[in-house]
Amino acid sequence: MLCALLITGDLVDAKTPPEGSQQHEEEWQAYERAWRQLAQSAQLPASAILDLRGNHDVFDTLRNSPQDCLPIGSSAGAGG
């Protein structure tokens, strides 16, 4: 039986065609739905989900800036 789940980045893609990159709130919302569904399937509370961002998860953003979408969909930021 699992007691925790570690999800490592890249959590989202954060690419904008043709060659750019930026955070997209929709991707973070989709990620949140995915980890919540996974937690439910594994019968884990949201607090047992730990996610670590990868390089795509920080494209063109400073931590805790208005462009930082991690708090929107991560387990720590979304009330996990």
PDB file of N, CA and C in Angstrom:
ATOM      1  N   MET A   1       0.840  -1.186   0.000  1.00  0.00           N
ATOM      2  CA  MET A   1       0.000   0.000   0.000  1.00  0.00           C
ATOM      3  C   MET A   1       0.887   1.253   0.000  1.00  0.00           C
ATOM      4  N   LEU A   2       0.541   2.185  -0.845  1.00  0.00           N
ATOM      5  CA  LEU A   2       1.299   3.434  -0.941  1.00  0.00           C
ATOM      6  C   LEU A   2       1.015   4.341   0.247  1.00  0.00           C
ATOM      7  N   CYS A   3       2.038   5.082   0.670  1.00  0.00           N
ATOM      8  CA  CYS A   3       1.812   6.088   1.704  1.00  0.00           C
ATOM      9  C   CYS A   3       2.062   7.493   1.168  1.00  0.00           C
ATOM     10  N   ALA A   4       2.703   7.586  -0.002  1.00  0.00           N
ATOM     11  CA  ALA A   4       2.949   8.882  -0.633  1.00  0.00           C
ATOM     12  C   ALA A   4       3.255   8.651  -2.102  1.00  0.00           C
ATOM     13  N   LEU A   5       3.118   9.712  -2.873  1.00  0.00           N
ATOM     14  CA  LEU A   5       3.418   9.653  -4.301  1.00  0.00           C
ATOM     15  C   LEU A   5       4.268  10.864  -4.665  1.00  0.00           C
ATOM     16  N   LEU A   6       5.414  10.629  -5.262  1.00  0.00           N
ATOM     17  CA  LEU A   6       6.321  11.690  -5.701  1.00  0.00           C
ATOM     18  C   LEU A   6       6.196  11.831  -7.212  1.00  0.00           C
ATOM     19  N   ILE A   7       5.860  13.031  -7.673  1.00  0.00           N
ATOM     20  CA  ILE A   7       5.736  13.320  -9.099  1.00  0.00           C
ATOM     21  C   ILE A   7       6.807  14.351  -9.435  1.00  0.00           C
ATOM     22  N   THR A   8       7.684  14.012 -10.371  1.00  0.00           N
ATOM     23  CA  THR A   8       8.768  14.930 -10.712  1.00  0.00           C
ATOM     24  C   THR A   8       8.521  15.576 -12.070  1.00  0.00           C
ATOM     25  N   GLY A   9       8.995  16.811 -12.213  1.00  0.00           N
ATOM     26  CA  GLY A   9       8.803  17.575 -13.438  1.00  0.00           C
ATOM     27  C   GLY A   9       9.608  17.032 -14.588  1.00  0.00           C
ATOM     28  N   ASP A  10       9.145  17.326 -15.693  1.00  0.00           N
ATOM     29  CA  ASP A  10       8.259  18.407 -16.068  1.00  0.00           C
ATOM     30  C   ASP A  10       6.804  18.023 -15.790  1.00  0.00           C
ATOM     31  N   LEU A  11       6.116  18.905 -15.083  1.00  0.00           N
ATOM     32  CA  LEU A  11       4.721  18.680 -14.756  1.00  0.00           C
ATOM     33  C   LEU A  11       3.822  19.170 -15.881  1.00  0.00           C
ATOM     34  N   VAL A  12       4.252  20.217 -16.581  1.00  0.00           N
ATOM     35  CA  VAL A  12       3.527  20.777 -17.722  1.00  0.00           C
ATOM     36  C   VAL A  12       4.506  21.004 -18.869  1.00  0.00           C
ATOM     37  N   ASP A  13       3.967  21.299 -20.049  1.00  0.00           N
ATOM     38  CA  ASP A  13       4.810  21.497 -21.223  1.00  0.00           C
ATOM     39  C   ASP A  13       5.321  22.936 -21.321  1.00  0.00           C
ATOM     40  N   ALA A  14       4.437  23.908 -21.148  1.00  0.00           N
ATOM     41  CA  ALA A  14       4.790  25.339 -21.132  1.00  0.00           C
ATOM     42  C   ALA A  14       5.469  25.820 -22.407  1.00  0.00           C
ATOM     43  N   LYS A  15       5.041  25.316 -23.538  1.00  0.00           N
ATOM     44  CA  LYS A  15       5.596  25.798 -24.806  1.00  0.00           C
ATOM     45  C   LYS A  15       4.531  26.557 -25.575  1.00  0.00           C
ATOM     46  N   THR A  16       4.979  27.597 -26.233  1.00  0.00           N
ATOM     47  CA  THR A  16       4.106  28.404 -27.054  1.00  0.00           C
ATOM     48  C   THR A  16       4.692  28.457 -28.454  1.00  0.00           C
ATOM     49  N   PRO A  17       3.963  27.938 -29.454  1.00  0.00           N
ATOM     50  CA  PRO A  17       4.501  27.953 -30.820  1.00  0.00           C
ATOM     51  C   PRO A  17       4.755  29.378 -31.276  1.00  0.00           C
ATOM     52  N   PRO A  18       5.694  29.626 -32.168  1.00  0.00           N
ATOM     53  CA  PRO A  18       6.547  28.630 -32.793  1.00  0.00           C
ATOM     54  C   PRO A  18       7.770  28.278 -31.952  1.00  0.00           C
ATOM     55  N   GLU A  19       8.374  29.236 -31.261  1.00  0.00           N
ATOM     56  CA  GLU A  19       9.611  28.940 -30.535  1.00  0.00           C
ATOM     57  C   GLU A  19       9.600  29.443 -29.097  1.00  0.00           C
ATOM     58  N   GLY A  20       8.480  29.941 -28.637  1.00  0.00           N
ATOM     59  CA  GLY A  20       8.462  30.562 -27.317  1.00  0.00           C
ATOM     60  C   GLY A  20       8.083  29.606 -26.210  1.00  0.00           C
ATOM     61  N   SER A  21       8.118  30.130 -25.012  1.00  0.00           N
ATOM     62  CA  SER A  21       7.693  29.351 -23.859  1.00  0.00           C
ATOM     63  C   SER A  21       7.131  30.291 -22.811  1.00  0.00           C
ATOM     64  N   GLN A  22       6.101  29.834 -22.152  1.00  0.00           N
ATOM     65  CA  GLN A  22       5.502  30.573 -21.054  1.00  0.00           C
ATOM     66  C   GLN A  22       4.583  29.633 -20.298  1.00  0.00           C
ATOM     67  N   GLN A  23       4.205  30.033 -19.115  1.00  0.00           N
ATOM     68  CA  GLN A  23       3.303  29.221 -18.318  1.00  0.00           C
ATOM     69  C   GLN A  23       1.875  29.400 -18.833  1.00  0.00           C
ATOM     70  N   HIS A  24       1.124  28.299 -18.853  1.00  0.00           N
ATOM     71  CA  HIS A  24      -0.273  28.328 -19.293  1.00  0.00           C
ATOM     72  C   HIS A  24      -1.135  27.791 -18.162  1.00  0.00           C
ATOM     73  N   GLU A  25      -2.021  28.633 -17.667  1.00  0.00           N
ATOM     74  CA  GLU A  25      -2.866  28.249 -16.543  1.00  0.00           C
ATOM     75  C   GLU A  25      -3.670  26.981 -16.843  1.00  0.00           C
ATOM     76  N   GLU A  26      -4.108  26.825 -18.100  1.00  0.00           N
ATOM     77  CA  GLU A  26      -4.900  25.642 -18.462  1.00  0.00           C
ATOM     78  C   GLU A  26      -4.107  24.350 -18.261  1.00  0.00           C
ATOM     79  N   GLU A  27      -2.820  24.377 -18.555  1.00  0.00           N
ATOM     80  CA  GLU A  27      -1.985  23.188 -18.351  1.00  0.00           C
ATOM     81  C   GLU A  27      -1.895  22.839 -16.871  1.00  0.00           C
ATOM     82  N   TRP A  28      -1.765  23.849 -16.034  1.00  0.00           N
ATOM     83  CA  TRP A  28      -1.679  23.607 -14.597  1.00  0.00           C
ATOM     84  C   TRP A  28      -2.999  23.098 -14.039  1.00  0.00           C
ATOM     85  N   GLN A  29      -4.103  23.586 -14.583  1.00  0.00           N
ATOM     86  CA  GLN A  29      -5.409  23.083 -14.150  1.00  0.00           C
ATOM     87  C   GLN A  29      -5.570  21.619 -14.556  1.00  0.00           C
ATOM     88  N   ALA A  30      -5.122  21.271 -15.749  1.00  0.00           N
ATOM     89  CA  ALA A  30      -5.179  19.872 -16.204  1.00  0.00           C
ATOM     90  C   ALA A  30      -4.272  18.996 -15.339  1.00  0.00           C
ATOM     91  N   TYR A  31      -3.109  19.507 -14.997  1.00  0.00           N
ATOM     92  CA  TYR A  31      -2.203  18.756 -14.122  1.00  0.00           C
ATOM     93  C   TYR A  31      -2.855  18.510 -12.762  1.00  0.00           C
ATOM     94  N   GLU A  32      -3.517  19.528 -12.212  1.00  0.00           N
ATOM     95  CA  GLU A  32      -4.177  19.348 -10.924  1.00  0.00           C
ATOM     96  C   GLU A  32      -5.250  18.260 -11.008  1.00  0.00           C
ATOM     97  N   ARG A  33      -6.056  18.284 -12.063  1.00  0.00           N
ATOM     98  CA  ARG A  33      -7.076  17.240 -12.219  1.00  0.00           C
ATOM     99  C   ARG A  33      -6.427  15.863 -12.275  1.00  0.00           C
ATOM    100  N   ALA A  34      -5.295  15.764 -12.966  1.00  0.00           N
ATOM    101  CA  ALA A  34      -4.610  14.469 -13.127  1.00  0.00           C
ATOM    102  C   ALA A  34      -4.070  13.952 -11.795  1.00  0.00           C
ATOM    103  N   TRP A  35      -3.387  14.806 -11.014  1.00  0.00           N
ATOM    104  CA  TRP A  35      -2.831  14.289  -9.757  1.00  0.00           C
ATOM    105  C   TRP A  35      -3.917  14.003  -8.741  1.00  0.00           C
ATOM    106  N   ARG A  36      -4.996  14.768  -8.772  1.00  0.00           N
ATOM    107  CA  ARG A  36      -6.104  14.479  -7.850  1.00  0.00           C
ATOM    108  C   ARG A  36      -6.763  13.135  -8.193  1.00  0.00           C
ATOM    109  N   GLN A  37      -6.922  12.873  -9.481  1.00  0.00           N
ATOM    110  CA  GLN A  37      -7.489  11.597  -9.916  1.00  0.00           C
ATOM    111  C   GLN A  37      -6.566  10.440  -9.534  1.00  0.00           C
ATOM    112  N   LEU A  38      -5.278  10.642  -9.706  1.00  0.00           N
ATOM    113  CA  LEU A  38      -4.295   9.635  -9.331  1.00  0.00           C
ATOM    114  C   LEU A  38      -4.324   9.372  -7.816  1.00  0.00           C
ATOM    115  N   ALA A  39      -4.405  10.424  -7.044  1.00  0.00           N
ATOM    116  CA  ALA A  39      -4.471  10.281  -5.588  1.00  0.00           C
ATOM    117  C   ALA A  39      -5.721   9.510  -5.180  1.00  0.00           C
ATOM    118  N   GLN A  40      -6.825   9.837  -5.797  1.00  0.00           N
ATOM    119  CA  GLN A  40      -8.070   9.142  -5.480  1.00  0.00           C
ATOM    120  C   GLN A  40      -7.969   7.658  -5.835  1.00  0.00           C
ATOM    121  N   SER A  41      -7.412   7.356  -6.996  1.00  0.00           N
ATOM    122  CA  SER A  41      -7.255   5.964  -7.421  1.00  0.00           C
ATOM    123  C   SER A  41      -6.350   5.183  -6.470  1.00  0.00           C
ATOM    124  N   ALA A  42      -5.337   5.856  -5.940  1.00  0.00           N
ATOM    125  CA  ALA A  42      -4.402   5.208  -5.025  1.00  0.00           C
ATOM    126  C   ALA A  42      -4.873   5.277  -3.574  1.00  0.00           C
ATOM    127  N   GLN A  43      -6.032   5.887  -3.366  1.00  0.00           N
ATOM    128  CA  GLN A  43      -6.593   6.061  -2.028  1.00  0.00           C
ATOM    129  C   GLN A  43      -5.635   6.816  -1.106  1.00  0.00           C
ATOM    130  N   LEU A  44      -5.064   7.872  -1.673  1.00  0.00           N
ATOM    131  CA  LEU A  44      -4.146   8.735  -0.917  1.00  0.00           C
ATOM    132  C   LEU A  44      -4.795  10.089  -0.687  1.00  0.00           C
ATOM    133  N   PRO A  45      -4.569  10.694   0.463  1.00  0.00           N
ATOM    134  CA  PRO A  45      -5.034  12.069   0.649  1.00  0.00           C
ATOM    135  C   PRO A  45      -4.174  13.004  -0.203  1.00  0.00           C
ATOM    136  N   ALA A  46      -4.730  14.136  -0.540  1.00  0.00           N
ATOM    137  CA  ALA A  46      -3.977  15.105  -1.347  1.00  0.00           C
ATOM    138  C   ALA A  46      -2.670  15.493  -0.680  1.00  0.00           C
ATOM    139  N   SER A  47      -2.635  15.486   0.629  1.00  0.00           N
ATOM    140  CA  SER A  47      -1.410  15.859   1.344  1.00  0.00           C
ATOM    141  C   SER A  47      -0.286  14.840   1.161  1.00  0.00           C
ATOM    142  N   ALA A  48      -0.588  13.661   0.626  1.00  0.00           N
ATOM    143  CA  ALA A  48       0.437  12.633   0.390  1.00  0.00           C
ATOM    144  C   ALA A  48       1.046  12.741  -1.004  1.00  0.00           C
ATOM    145  N   ILE A  49       0.612  13.719  -1.788  1.00  0.00           N
ATOM    146  CA  ILE A  49       1.150  13.929  -3.134  1.00  0.00           C
ATOM    147  C   ILE A  49       2.221  15.005  -3.055  1.00  0.00           C
ATOM    148  N   LEU A  50       3.415  14.682  -3.512  1.00  0.00           N
ATOM    149  CA  LEU A  50       4.533  15.624  -3.507  1.00  0.00           C
ATOM    150  C   LEU A  50       4.968  15.839  -4.946  1.00  0.00           C
ATOM    151  N   ASP A  51       4.967  17.080  -5.388  1.00  0.00           N
ATOM    152  CA  ASP A  51       5.425  17.331  -6.754  1.00  0.00           C
ATOM    153  C   ASP A  51       6.587  18.305  -6.785  1.00  0.00           C
ATOM    154  N   LEU A  52       7.515  18.020  -7.679  1.00  0.00           N
ATOM    155  CA  LEU A  52       8.721  18.832  -7.852  1.00  0.00           C
ATOM    156  C   LEU A  52       8.759  19.354  -9.273  1.00  0.00           C
ATOM    157  N   ARG A  53       8.980  20.620  -9.414  1.00  0.00           N
ATOM    158  CA  ARG A  53       8.972  21.188 -10.754  1.00  0.00           C
ATOM    159  C   ARG A  53      10.245  20.889 -11.529  1.00  0.00           C
ATOM    160  N   GLY A  54      10.071  20.814 -12.842  1.00  0.00           N
ATOM    161  CA  GLY A  54      11.176  20.640 -13.765  1.00  0.00           C
ATOM    162  C   GLY A  54      11.419  21.933 -14.519  1.00  0.00           C
ATOM    163  N   ASN A  55      12.312  21.883 -15.498  1.00  0.00           N
ATOM    164  CA  ASN A  55      12.670  23.119 -16.206  1.00  0.00           C
ATOM    165  C   ASN A  55      11.491  23.724 -16.973  1.00  0.00           C
ATOM    166  N   HIS A  56      10.595  22.912 -17.531  1.00  0.00           N
ATOM    167  CA  HIS A  56       9.443  23.465 -18.244  1.00  0.00           C
ATOM    168  C   HIS A  56       8.461  24.136 -17.292  1.00  0.00           C
ATOM    169  N   ASP A  57       8.504  23.772 -16.050  1.00  0.00           N
ATOM    170  CA  ASP A  57       7.585  24.319 -15.068  1.00  0.00           C
ATOM    171  C   ASP A  57       8.004  25.692 -14.559  1.00  0.00           C
ATOM    172  N   VAL A  58       9.165  26.145 -14.986  1.00  0.00           N
ATOM    173  CA  VAL A  58       9.657  27.461 -14.561  1.00  0.00           C
ATOM    174  C   VAL A  58      10.050  28.348 -15.740  1.00  0.00           C
ATOM    175  N   PHE A  59       9.704  27.940 -16.968  1.00  0.00           N
ATOM    176  CA  PHE A  59      10.033  28.754 -18.142  1.00  0.00           C
ATOM    177  C   PHE A  59       9.569  30.187 -17.951  1.00  0.00           C
ATOM    178  N   ASP A  60      10.500  31.110 -18.106  1.00  0.00           N
ATOM    179  CA  ASP A  60      10.212  32.541 -18.126  1.00  0.00           C
ATOM    180  C   ASP A  60       9.407  33.031 -16.927  1.00  0.00           C
ATOM    181  N   THR A  61       9.626  32.439 -15.766  1.00  0.00           N
ATOM    182  CA  THR A  61       8.915  32.894 -14.568  1.00  0.00           C
ATOM    183  C   THR A  61       9.877  32.962 -13.388  1.00  0.00           C
ATOM    184  N   LEU A  62       9.583  33.862 -12.512  1.00  0.00           N
ATOM    185  CA  LEU A  62      10.281  33.919 -11.231  1.00  0.00           C
ATOM    186  C   LEU A  62       9.363  33.283 -10.202  1.00  0.00           C
ATOM    187  N   ARG A  63       9.923  32.549  -9.275  1.00  0.00           N
ATOM    188  CA  ARG A  63       9.119  31.900  -8.240  1.00  0.00           C
ATOM    189  C   ARG A  63       8.286  32.951  -7.501  1.00  0.00           C
ATOM    190  N   ASN A  64       7.030  32.635  -7.300  1.00  0.00           N
ATOM    191  CA  ASN A  64       6.065  33.492  -6.602  1.00  0.00           C
ATOM    192  C   ASN A  64       5.732  34.781  -7.340  1.00  0.00           C
ATOM    193  N   SER A  65       6.076  34.865  -8.629  1.00  0.00           N
ATOM    194  CA  SER A  65       5.682  36.023  -9.429  1.00  0.00           C
ATOM    195  C   SER A  65       4.252  35.788  -9.938  1.00  0.00           C
ATOM    196  N   PRO A  66       3.602  36.810 -10.454  1.00  0.00           N
ATOM    197  CA  PRO A  66       2.250  36.618 -10.999  1.00  0.00           C
ATOM    198  C   PRO A  66       2.202  35.594 -12.143  1.00  0.00           C
ATOM    199  N   GLN A  67       3.319  35.398 -12.835  1.00  0.00           N
ATOM    200  CA  GLN A  67       3.370  34.438 -13.940  1.00  0.00           C
ATOM    201  C   GLN A  67       3.635  33.003 -13.467  1.00  0.00           C
ATOM    202  N   ASP A  68       3.970  32.828 -12.211  1.00  0.00           N
ATOM    203  CA  ASP A  68       4.275  31.502 -11.668  1.00  0.00           C
ATOM    204  C   ASP A  68       2.969  30.747 -11.435  1.00  0.00           C
ATOM    205  N   CYS A  69       2.716  29.725 -12.247  1.00  0.00           N
ATOM    206  CA  CYS A  69       1.465  28.974 -12.161  1.00  0.00           C
ATOM    207  C   CYS A  69       1.545  27.762 -11.236  1.00  0.00           C
ATOM    208  N   LEU A  70       2.695  27.475 -10.671  1.00  0.00           N
ATOM    209  CA  LEU A  70       2.808  26.326  -9.788  1.00  0.00           C
ATOM    210  C   LEU A  70       1.753  26.347  -8.664  1.00  0.00           C
ATOM    211  N   PRO A  71       1.494  27.490  -8.027  1.00  0.00           N
ATOM    212  CA  PRO A  71       0.480  27.476  -6.968  1.00  0.00           C
ATOM    213  C   PRO A  71      -0.929  27.132  -7.459  1.00  0.00           C
ATOM    214  N   ILE A  72      -1.179  27.251  -8.742  1.00  0.00           N
ATOM    215  CA  ILE A  72      -2.503  26.944  -9.282  1.00  0.00           C
ATOM    216  C   ILE A  72      -2.788  25.458  -9.285  1.00  0.00           C
ATOM    217  N   GLY A  73      -1.798  24.657  -9.708  1.00  0.00           N
ATOM    218  CA  GLY A  73      -2.097  23.253  -9.908  1.00  0.00           C
ATOM    219  C   GLY A  73      -1.257  22.249  -9.147  1.00  0.00           C
ATOM    220  N   SER A  74      -0.235  22.706  -8.448  1.00  0.00           N
ATOM    221  CA  SER A  74       0.607  21.747  -7.732  1.00  0.00           C
ATOM    222  C   SER A  74      -0.093  21.245  -6.486  1.00  0.00           C
ATOM    223  N   SER A  75       0.363  20.146  -5.967  1.00  0.00           N
ATOM    224  CA  SER A  75      -0.252  19.605  -4.753  1.00  0.00           C
ATOM    225  C   SER A  75      -0.066  20.548  -3.570  1.00  0.00           C
ATOM    226  N   ALA A  76       1.051  21.219  -3.499  1.00  0.00           N
ATOM    227  CA  ALA A  76       1.294  22.156  -2.394  1.00  0.00           C
ATOM    228  C   ALA A  76       0.471  23.422  -2.559  1.00  0.00           C
ATOM    229  N   GLY A  77       0.398  23.923  -3.788  1.00  0.00           N
ATOM    230  CA  GLY A  77      -0.288  25.183  -4.026  1.00  0.00           C
ATOM    231  C   GLY A  77      -1.788  25.084  -4.145  1.00  0.00           C
ATOM    232  N   ALA A  78      -2.289  23.921  -4.519  1.00  0.00           N
ATOM    233  CA  ALA A  78      -3.736  23.777  -4.753  1.00  0.00           C
ATOM    234  C   ALA A  78      -4.449  23.215  -3.531  1.00  0.00           C
ATOM    235  N   GLY A  79      -3.870  23.375  -2.397  1.00  0.00           N
ATOM    236  CA  GLY A  79      -4.516  22.902  -1.185  1.00  0.00           C
ATOM    237  C   GLY A  79      -4.346  21.429  -0.936  1.00  0.00           C
ATOM    238  N   GLY A  80      -3.201  20.889  -1.447  1.00  0.00           N
ATOM    239  CA  GLY A  80      -2.931  19.466  -1.275  1.00  0.00           C
ATOM    240  C   GLY A  80      -2.480  19.116   0.104  1.00  0.00           C
TER     241      GLY A  80
END
